């Protein structure tokens, strides 16, 4: 679904600690359909989910079940109803 030209509606999915901090499992946002990986990280953490800033450097993003490498600043294409998972550090024992 497109809100305005160049933007698409996506789902942000929260897991573990990110779900605890945000207080919900999922939210929808409008994001640019063409965006560089580093810009996507900035948009999500600084504008849409600033409560997650303290753990930003420990989180990984996955778009439609494909992990993003923040060291590779290539442009990606988001589609209407793309899912962006915000995956926190995982601890176990």
N, C-alpha and C. Protein backbone atom coordinates (compact mmCIF):
# COMPACT_ATOMS: atom_id res chain seq x y z
N UNK A 1 0.85 -1.17 0.00
CA UNK A 1 0.00 0.00 0.00
C UNK A 1 0.90 1.24 0.00
N UNK A 2 0.56 2.21 -0.82
CA UNK A 2 1.36 3.42 -0.95
C UNK A 2 0.59 4.61 -0.38
N UNK A 3 1.28 5.38 0.48
CA UNK A 3 0.68 6.56 1.08
C UNK A 3 0.86 7.76 0.17
N UNK A 4 2.07 8.03 -0.20
CA UNK A 4 2.38 9.09 -1.14
C UNK A 4 3.51 8.59 -2.01
N UNK A 5 3.73 9.25 -3.09
CA UNK A 5 4.70 8.75 -4.06
C UNK A 5 6.06 8.50 -3.42
N UNK A 6 6.59 7.31 -3.67
CA UNK A 6 7.91 6.96 -3.17
C UNK A 6 7.92 6.36 -1.78
N UNK A 7 6.76 6.24 -1.14
CA UNK A 7 6.67 5.66 0.20
C UNK A 7 5.74 4.46 0.17
N UNK A 8 6.05 3.47 1.01
CA UNK A 8 5.21 2.28 1.13
C UNK A 8 4.93 1.99 2.60
N UNK A 9 3.82 1.34 2.84
CA UNK A 9 3.48 0.92 4.20
C UNK A 9 4.20 -0.39 4.50
N UNK A 10 4.94 -0.41 5.60
CA UNK A 10 5.67 -1.62 6.01
C UNK A 10 5.28 -1.96 7.45
N UNK A 11 5.55 -3.19 7.82
CA UNK A 11 5.33 -3.63 9.20
C UNK A 11 6.67 -3.70 9.91
N UNK A 12 6.75 -3.10 11.08
CA UNK A 12 7.90 -3.26 11.95
C UNK A 12 7.53 -4.34 12.96
N UNK A 13 8.36 -5.38 13.05
CA UNK A 13 8.12 -6.49 13.97
C UNK A 13 9.14 -6.42 15.09
N UNK A 14 8.67 -6.53 16.32
CA UNK A 14 9.54 -6.41 17.49
C UNK A 14 9.64 -7.76 18.20
N UNK A 15 10.85 -8.10 18.62
CA UNK A 15 11.11 -9.36 19.29
C UNK A 15 11.88 -9.11 20.59
N UNK A 16 11.71 -10.01 21.56
CA UNK A 16 12.48 -9.97 22.79
C UNK A 16 12.50 -8.61 23.46
N UNK A 17 13.70 -8.11 23.72
CA UNK A 17 13.88 -6.83 24.42
C UNK A 17 13.23 -5.68 23.67
N UNK A 18 13.27 -5.70 22.34
CA UNK A 18 12.65 -4.59 21.59
C UNK A 18 11.14 -4.58 21.82
N UNK A 19 10.54 -5.74 21.92
CA UNK A 19 9.10 -5.84 22.20
C UNK A 19 8.79 -5.30 23.59
N UNK A 20 9.65 -5.64 24.57
CA UNK A 20 9.47 -5.14 25.94
C UNK A 20 9.53 -3.61 25.97
N UNK A 21 10.51 -3.05 25.29
CA UNK A 21 10.71 -1.60 25.31
C UNK A 21 9.58 -0.87 24.59
N UNK A 22 9.22 -1.33 23.42
CA UNK A 22 8.19 -0.67 22.61
C UNK A 22 6.79 -0.94 23.15
N UNK A 23 6.58 -2.12 23.72
CA UNK A 23 5.29 -2.45 24.31
C UNK A 23 4.28 -3.02 23.33
N UNK A 24 4.75 -3.44 22.17
CA UNK A 24 3.87 -4.08 21.20
C UNK A 24 4.68 -5.00 20.30
N UNK A 25 3.99 -5.91 19.62
CA UNK A 25 4.65 -6.87 18.75
C UNK A 25 4.91 -6.32 17.36
N UNK A 26 4.06 -5.37 16.92
CA UNK A 26 4.13 -4.91 15.54
C UNK A 26 3.55 -3.52 15.44
N UNK A 27 4.10 -2.74 14.51
CA UNK A 27 3.50 -1.45 14.16
C UNK A 27 3.68 -1.24 12.66
N UNK A 28 2.86 -0.38 12.09
CA UNK A 28 3.00 -0.08 10.67
C UNK A 28 3.51 1.35 10.52
N UNK A 29 4.36 1.53 9.53
CA UNK A 29 4.96 2.84 9.24
C UNK A 29 5.04 3.01 7.74
N UNK A 30 5.14 4.25 7.32
CA UNK A 30 5.40 4.56 5.91
C UNK A 30 6.87 4.92 5.77
N UNK A 31 7.57 4.20 4.91
CA UNK A 31 9.00 4.42 4.68
C UNK A 31 9.25 4.56 3.19
N UNK A 32 10.37 5.20 2.82
CA UNK A 32 10.71 5.30 1.39
C UNK A 32 10.87 3.90 0.79
N UNK A 33 10.40 3.73 -0.45
CA UNK A 33 10.52 2.40 -1.05
C UNK A 33 11.94 2.10 -1.52
N UNK A 34 12.74 3.10 -1.81
CA UNK A 34 14.17 2.92 -2.12
C UNK A 34 14.96 3.62 -1.02
N UNK A 35 15.80 2.87 -0.33
CA UNK A 35 16.52 3.45 0.79
C UNK A 35 17.82 2.68 1.01
N UNK A 36 18.85 3.40 1.40
CA UNK A 36 20.12 2.75 1.74
C UNK A 36 19.99 2.13 3.13
N UNK A 37 20.74 1.05 3.35
CA UNK A 37 20.64 0.30 4.60
C UNK A 37 20.90 1.20 5.81
N UNK A 38 21.96 2.01 5.77
CA UNK A 38 22.26 2.89 6.91
C UNK A 38 21.15 3.90 7.15
N UNK A 39 20.55 4.39 6.08
CA UNK A 39 19.43 5.33 6.22
C UNK A 39 18.23 4.64 6.86
N UNK A 40 18.00 3.39 6.50
CA UNK A 40 16.90 2.63 7.09
C UNK A 40 17.10 2.47 8.59
N UNK A 41 18.33 2.10 9.00
CA UNK A 41 18.63 1.99 10.43
C UNK A 41 18.35 3.32 11.13
N UNK A 42 18.83 4.41 10.56
CA UNK A 42 18.62 5.73 11.18
C UNK A 42 17.14 6.07 11.28
N UNK A 43 16.40 5.88 10.21
CA UNK A 43 14.97 6.18 10.23
C UNK A 43 14.24 5.39 11.31
N UNK A 44 14.51 4.11 11.37
CA UNK A 44 13.80 3.27 12.33
C UNK A 44 14.15 3.63 13.76
N UNK A 45 15.44 3.73 14.06
CA UNK A 45 15.84 3.94 15.44
C UNK A 45 15.72 5.39 15.90
N UNK A 46 15.99 6.35 15.04
CA UNK A 46 15.99 7.74 15.46
C UNK A 46 14.62 8.40 15.33
N UNK A 47 13.86 8.05 14.30
CA UNK A 47 12.57 8.72 14.10
C UNK A 47 11.38 7.88 14.54
N UNK A 48 11.37 6.60 14.20
CA UNK A 48 10.19 5.78 14.47
C UNK A 48 10.23 5.05 15.80
N UNK A 49 11.42 4.69 16.28
CA UNK A 49 11.54 3.93 17.53
C UNK A 49 12.68 4.47 18.39
N UNK A 50 12.63 5.74 18.78
CA UNK A 50 13.75 6.31 19.54
C UNK A 50 13.98 5.64 20.89
N UNK A 51 12.98 4.97 21.44
CA UNK A 51 13.18 4.25 22.70
C UNK A 51 14.21 3.13 22.56
N UNK A 52 14.45 2.70 21.32
CA UNK A 52 15.41 1.61 21.08
C UNK A 52 16.84 2.11 20.85
N UNK A 53 17.04 3.42 20.84
CA UNK A 53 18.39 3.96 20.59
C UNK A 53 19.47 3.37 21.50
N UNK A 54 19.21 3.16 22.80
CA UNK A 54 20.27 2.60 23.64
C UNK A 54 20.76 1.22 23.21
N UNK A 55 19.95 0.46 22.48
CA UNK A 55 20.39 -0.87 22.03
C UNK A 55 20.56 -0.95 20.52
N UNK A 56 20.52 0.18 19.84
CA UNK A 56 20.61 0.22 18.37
C UNK A 56 21.81 -0.56 17.84
N UNK A 57 22.97 -0.34 18.42
CA UNK A 57 24.19 -0.97 17.90
C UNK A 57 24.25 -2.47 18.14
N UNK A 58 23.34 -2.97 18.96
CA UNK A 58 23.28 -4.41 19.23
C UNK A 58 22.20 -5.12 18.44
N UNK A 59 21.36 -4.35 17.77
CA UNK A 59 20.23 -4.93 17.03
C UNK A 59 20.58 -5.20 15.57
N UNK A 60 19.87 -6.14 15.02
CA UNK A 60 19.99 -6.48 13.60
C UNK A 60 18.62 -6.26 12.98
N UNK A 61 18.62 -5.79 11.74
CA UNK A 61 17.37 -5.66 10.99
C UNK A 61 17.31 -6.75 9.93
N UNK A 62 16.12 -7.24 9.70
CA UNK A 62 15.87 -8.18 8.61
C UNK A 62 14.66 -7.69 7.84
N UNK A 63 14.79 -7.63 6.53
CA UNK A 63 13.68 -7.22 5.67
C UNK A 63 13.18 -8.45 4.93
N UNK A 64 11.92 -8.77 5.15
CA UNK A 64 11.31 -9.95 4.53
C UNK A 64 12.17 -11.19 4.73
N UNK A 65 12.61 -11.37 5.97
CA UNK A 65 13.38 -12.53 6.44
C UNK A 65 14.80 -12.61 5.88
N UNK A 66 15.32 -11.48 5.39
CA UNK A 66 16.71 -11.42 4.93
C UNK A 66 17.45 -10.42 5.80
N UNK A 67 18.50 -10.89 6.48
CA UNK A 67 19.27 -10.01 7.36
C UNK A 67 19.99 -8.94 6.56
N UNK A 68 20.05 -7.74 7.13
CA UNK A 68 20.76 -6.63 6.50
C UNK A 68 22.13 -6.47 7.15
N UNK A 69 23.12 -6.19 6.34
CA UNK A 69 24.48 -5.94 6.80
C UNK A 69 24.71 -4.44 6.79
N UNK A 70 24.76 -3.83 7.99
CA UNK A 70 24.89 -2.38 8.07
C UNK A 70 26.22 -1.89 7.51
N UNK A 71 27.23 -2.76 7.43
CA UNK A 71 28.51 -2.33 6.87
C UNK A 71 28.45 -2.23 5.34
N UNK A 72 27.42 -2.82 4.74
CA UNK A 72 27.20 -2.73 3.30
C UNK A 72 26.08 -1.72 3.08
N UNK A 73 26.41 -0.56 2.60
CA UNK A 73 25.41 0.51 2.50
C UNK A 73 24.72 0.53 1.14
N UNK A 74 24.34 -0.64 0.67
CA UNK A 74 23.65 -0.69 -0.62
C UNK A 74 22.20 -0.22 -0.46
N UNK A 75 21.61 0.10 -1.57
CA UNK A 75 20.21 0.51 -1.57
C UNK A 75 19.33 -0.73 -1.63
N UNK A 76 18.26 -0.71 -0.87
CA UNK A 76 17.31 -1.81 -0.91
C UNK A 76 15.95 -1.26 -1.35
N UNK A 77 15.11 -2.15 -1.80
CA UNK A 77 13.77 -1.76 -2.23
C UNK A 77 12.76 -2.38 -1.26
N UNK A 78 11.95 -1.52 -0.68
CA UNK A 78 10.87 -1.97 0.18
C UNK A 78 9.59 -2.01 -0.64
N UNK A 79 8.77 -2.99 -0.37
CA UNK A 79 7.50 -3.14 -1.07
C UNK A 79 6.36 -2.93 -0.08
N UNK A 80 5.20 -2.62 -0.60
CA UNK A 80 4.04 -2.52 0.28
C UNK A 80 3.89 -3.80 1.08
N UNK A 81 3.75 -3.68 2.36
CA UNK A 81 3.61 -4.80 3.28
C UNK A 81 4.91 -5.57 3.51
N UNK A 82 6.06 -4.97 3.17
CA UNK A 82 7.33 -5.58 3.58
C UNK A 82 7.35 -5.65 5.10
N UNK A 83 8.03 -6.65 5.61
CA UNK A 83 8.17 -6.80 7.06
C UNK A 83 9.62 -6.53 7.44
N UNK A 84 9.79 -5.64 8.40
CA UNK A 84 11.12 -5.33 8.91
C UNK A 84 11.18 -5.80 10.35
N UNK A 85 11.97 -6.82 10.60
CA UNK A 85 12.14 -7.36 11.94
C UNK A 85 13.28 -6.63 12.63
N UNK A 86 13.04 -6.21 13.86
CA UNK A 86 14.07 -5.58 14.67
C UNK A 86 14.46 -6.61 15.72
N UNK A 87 15.65 -7.18 15.53
CA UNK A 87 16.08 -8.32 16.32
C UNK A 87 17.13 -7.88 17.33
N UNK A 88 16.82 -8.00 18.62
CA UNK A 88 17.76 -7.58 19.66
C UNK A 88 18.82 -8.64 19.89
N UNK A 89 19.82 -8.30 20.71
CA UNK A 89 20.80 -9.32 21.08
C UNK A 89 20.08 -10.48 21.78
N UNK A 90 20.56 -11.67 21.52
CA UNK A 90 19.94 -12.86 22.10
C UNK A 90 20.91 -13.44 23.12
N UNK A 91 20.38 -13.71 24.31
CA UNK A 91 21.21 -14.36 25.32
C UNK A 91 20.54 -15.66 25.70
N UNK A 92 21.31 -16.57 26.13
CA UNK A 92 20.74 -17.86 26.51
C UNK A 92 21.68 -18.57 27.45
N UNK A 93 21.25 -19.69 27.85
CA UNK A 93 22.10 -20.41 28.77
C UNK A 93 21.82 -21.87 28.75
